[in-house]
Amino acid sequence: MADKTEVQRRKELRRAAEAKQRASEEAGLPVSKETLWALFDYLDESLADGCDHSLRITEQFLSSRKIQSELVVPWLGEYGGFCDCEVLFNVEERWGRQ
């Protein structure tokens, strides 16, 4: 069994690797984190009546901000956001405010 110093060192290495991975992923964001958070808030409000299993509301939001959906929609899909409710549940889980 590893001593306390070794356990602490391993934890620090893991945290550093996770921070590096997160920074790399953030560099690949198609929009700012603040814009993503605004999208999540918009979807939360707009989906009160349910989801039609399309990205209609997401695309409305992007259009209102003059953001090309072609740049964002594939990225959302990488995180499981294939319709508005999945963007809210899956993508927000990874990229929401922490």
C-alpha atoms as a PDB file:
ATOM      1  CA  MET A   1       0.000   0.000   0.000  1.00  0.00           C
ATOM      2  CA  ALA A   2       1.250   3.477  -0.881  1.00  0.00           C
ATOM      3  CA  ASP A   3       2.092   5.873   1.914  1.00  0.00           C
ATOM      4  CA  LYS A   4       0.194   9.137   2.430  1.00  0.00           C
ATOM      5  CA  THR A   5       2.766  11.168   0.505  1.00  0.00           C
ATOM      6  CA  GLU A   6       2.438   8.908  -2.526  1.00  0.00           C
ATOM      7  CA  VAL A   7      -1.359   8.989  -2.352  1.00  0.00           C
ATOM      8  CA  GLN A   8      -1.290  12.794  -2.215  1.00  0.00           C
ATOM      9  CA  ARG A   9       1.154  12.952  -5.142  1.00  0.00           C
ATOM     10  CA  ARG A  10      -1.129  10.719  -7.232  1.00  0.00           C
ATOM     11  CA  LYS A  11      -4.146  12.898  -6.422  1.00  0.00           C
ATOM     12  CA  GLU A  12      -2.265  16.018  -7.474  1.00  0.00           C
ATOM     13  CA  LEU A  13      -1.166  14.374 -10.731  1.00  0.00           C
ATOM     14  CA  ARG A  14      -4.748  13.317 -11.458  1.00  0.00           C
ATOM     15  CA  ARG A  15      -6.065  16.828 -10.729  1.00  0.00           C
ATOM     16  CA  ALA A  16      -3.406  18.372 -12.965  1.00  0.00           C
ATOM     17  CA  ALA A  17      -4.250  15.966 -15.805  1.00  0.00           C
ATOM     18  CA  GLU A  18      -7.975  16.704 -15.423  1.00  0.00           C
ATOM     19  CA  ALA A  19      -7.325  20.459 -15.444  1.00  0.00           C
ATOM     20  CA  LYS A  20      -5.194  20.124 -18.573  1.00  0.00           C
ATOM     21  CA  GLN A  21      -7.915  18.075 -20.291  1.00  0.00           C
ATOM     22  CA  ARG A  22     -10.583  20.611 -19.312  1.00  0.00           C
ATOM     23  CA  ALA A  23      -8.472  23.515 -20.605  1.00  0.00           C
ATOM     24  CA  SER A  24      -7.953  21.680 -23.889  1.00  0.00           C
ATOM     25  CA  GLU A  25     -11.699  21.069 -24.240  1.00  0.00           C
ATOM     26  CA  GLU A  26     -12.499  24.695 -23.368  1.00  0.00           C
ATOM     27  CA  ALA A  27     -10.148  25.850 -26.105  1.00  0.00           C
ATOM     28  CA  GLY A  28     -12.338  23.918 -28.549  1.00  0.00           C
ATOM     29  CA  LEU A  29     -15.619  25.538 -27.499  1.00  0.00           C
ATOM     30  CA  PRO A  30     -17.473  26.939 -30.519  1.00  0.00           C
ATOM     31  CA  VAL A  31     -18.832  29.845 -28.415  1.00  0.00           C
ATOM     32  CA  SER A  32     -17.945  31.384 -25.064  1.00  0.00           C
ATOM     33  CA  LYS A  33     -18.942  29.642 -21.838  1.00  0.00           C
ATOM     34  CA  GLU A  34     -21.189  32.609 -21.084  1.00  0.00           C
ATOM     35  CA  THR A  35     -23.048  32.081 -24.377  1.00  0.00           C
ATOM     36  CA  LEU A  36     -23.454  28.386 -23.575  1.00  0.00           C
ATOM     37  CA  TRP A  37     -24.813  29.253 -20.149  1.00  0.00           C
ATOM     38  CA  ALA A  38     -27.255  31.700 -21.734  1.00  0.00           C
ATOM     39  CA  LEU A  39     -28.349  28.923 -24.119  1.00  0.00           C
ATOM     40  CA  PHE A  40     -28.957  26.579 -21.182  1.00  0.00           C
ATOM     41  CA  ASP A  41     -31.002  29.247 -19.384  1.00  0.00           C
ATOM     42  CA  TYR A  42     -32.985  29.945 -22.571  1.00  0.00           C
ATOM     43  CA  LEU A  43     -33.710  26.250 -23.079  1.00  0.00           C
ATOM     44  CA  ASP A  44     -34.687  25.816 -19.444  1.00  0.00           C
ATOM     45  CA  GLU A  45     -37.291  28.546 -19.824  1.00  0.00           C
ATOM     46  CA  SER A  46     -38.427  27.521 -23.304  1.00  0.00           C
ATOM     47  CA  LEU A  47     -38.860  23.810 -22.657  1.00  0.00           C
ATOM     48  CA  ALA A  48     -41.557  24.215 -20.016  1.00  0.00           C
ATOM     49  CA  ASP A  49     -44.067  22.792 -22.503  1.00  0.00           C
ATOM     50  CA  GLY A  50     -41.811  19.924 -23.555  1.00  0.00           C
ATOM     51  CA  CYS A  51     -39.381  19.084 -26.314  1.00  0.00           C
ATOM     52  CA  ASP A  52     -40.333  18.332 -29.916  1.00  0.00           C
ATOM     53  CA  HIS A  53     -37.061  16.355 -30.233  1.00  0.00           C
ATOM     54  CA  SER A  54     -35.456  18.808 -32.612  1.00  0.00           C
ATOM     55  CA  LEU A  55     -32.931  21.584 -32.174  1.00  0.00           C
ATOM     56  CA  ARG A  56     -35.503  24.212 -33.114  1.00  0.00           C
ATOM     57  CA  ILE A  57     -35.154  26.287 -29.939  1.00  0.00           C
ATOM     58  CA  THR A  58     -31.365  25.964 -29.881  1.00  0.00           C
ATOM     59  CA  GLU A  59     -31.205  27.146 -33.478  1.00  0.00           C
ATOM     60  CA  GLN A  60     -33.551  30.063 -32.682  1.00  0.00           C
ATOM     61  CA  PHE A  61     -31.232  31.092 -29.859  1.00  0.00           C
ATOM     62  CA  LEU A  62     -28.142  30.848 -32.057  1.00  0.00           C
ATOM     63  CA  SER A  63     -29.830  32.791 -34.848  1.00  0.00           C
ATOM     64  CA  SER A  64     -30.888  35.542 -32.433  1.00  0.00           C
ATOM     65  CA  ARG A  65     -27.214  35.915 -31.479  1.00  0.00           C
ATOM     66  CA  LYS A  66     -26.082  35.764 -35.122  1.00  0.00           C
ATOM     67  CA  ILE A  67     -24.113  32.567 -34.426  1.00  0.00           C
ATOM     68  CA  GLN A  68     -23.862  30.078 -37.262  1.00  0.00           C
ATOM     69  CA  SER A  69     -25.539  26.863 -36.125  1.00  0.00           C
ATOM     70  CA  GLU A  70     -23.212  24.874 -38.409  1.00  0.00           C
ATOM     71  CA  LEU A  71     -20.392  25.781 -36.033  1.00  0.00           C
ATOM     72  CA  VAL A  72     -22.233  24.808 -32.864  1.00  0.00           C
ATOM     73  CA  VAL A  73     -24.638  21.945 -33.650  1.00  0.00           C
ATOM     74  CA  PRO A  74     -21.957  19.309 -34.426  1.00  0.00           C
ATOM     75  CA  TRP A  75     -20.157  20.232 -31.206  1.00  0.00           C
ATOM     76  CA  LEU A  76     -23.396  19.855 -29.224  1.00  0.00           C
ATOM     77  CA  GLY A  77     -23.815  16.398 -30.742  1.00  0.00           C
ATOM     78  CA  GLU A  78     -20.379  15.387 -29.467  1.00  0.00           C
ATOM     79  CA  TYR A  79     -21.753  15.860 -25.962  1.00  0.00           C
ATOM     80  CA  GLY A  80     -25.090  14.137 -26.608  1.00  0.00           C
ATOM     81  CA  GLY A  81     -27.085  17.242 -27.577  1.00  0.00           C
ATOM     82  CA  PHE A  82     -29.145  15.970 -30.511  1.00  0.00           C
ATOM     83  CA  CYS A  83     -32.337  17.820 -29.558  1.00  0.00           C
ATOM     84  CA  ASP A  84     -33.164  20.754 -27.282  1.00  0.00           C
ATOM     85  CA  CYS A  85     -33.837  18.683 -24.166  1.00  0.00           C
ATOM     86  CA  GLU A  86     -30.636  16.683 -24.683  1.00  0.00           C
ATOM     87  CA  VAL A  87     -28.671  19.916 -24.989  1.00  0.00           C
ATOM     88  CA  LEU A  88     -30.141  20.983 -21.682  1.00  0.00           C
ATOM     89  CA  PHE A  89     -29.582  17.672 -19.899  1.00  0.00           C
ATOM     90  CA  ASN A  90     -26.443  16.228 -21.494  1.00  0.00           C
ATOM     91  CA  VAL A  91     -24.422  19.230 -22.597  1.00  0.00           C
ATOM     92  CA  GLU A  92     -25.283  21.337 -19.560  1.00  0.00           C
ATOM     93  CA  GLU A  93     -24.179  18.482 -17.322  1.00  0.00           C
ATOM     94  CA  ARG A  94     -20.670  18.830 -18.763  1.00  0.00           C
ATOM     95  CA  TRP A  95     -20.528  22.559 -19.524  1.00  0.00           C
ATOM     96  CA  GLY A  96     -22.958  24.200 -17.106  1.00  0.00           C
ATOM     97  CA  ARG A  97     -21.862  26.539 -14.345  1.00  0.00           C
ATOM     98  CA  GLN A  98     -19.815  24.687 -11.782  1.00  0.00           C
END
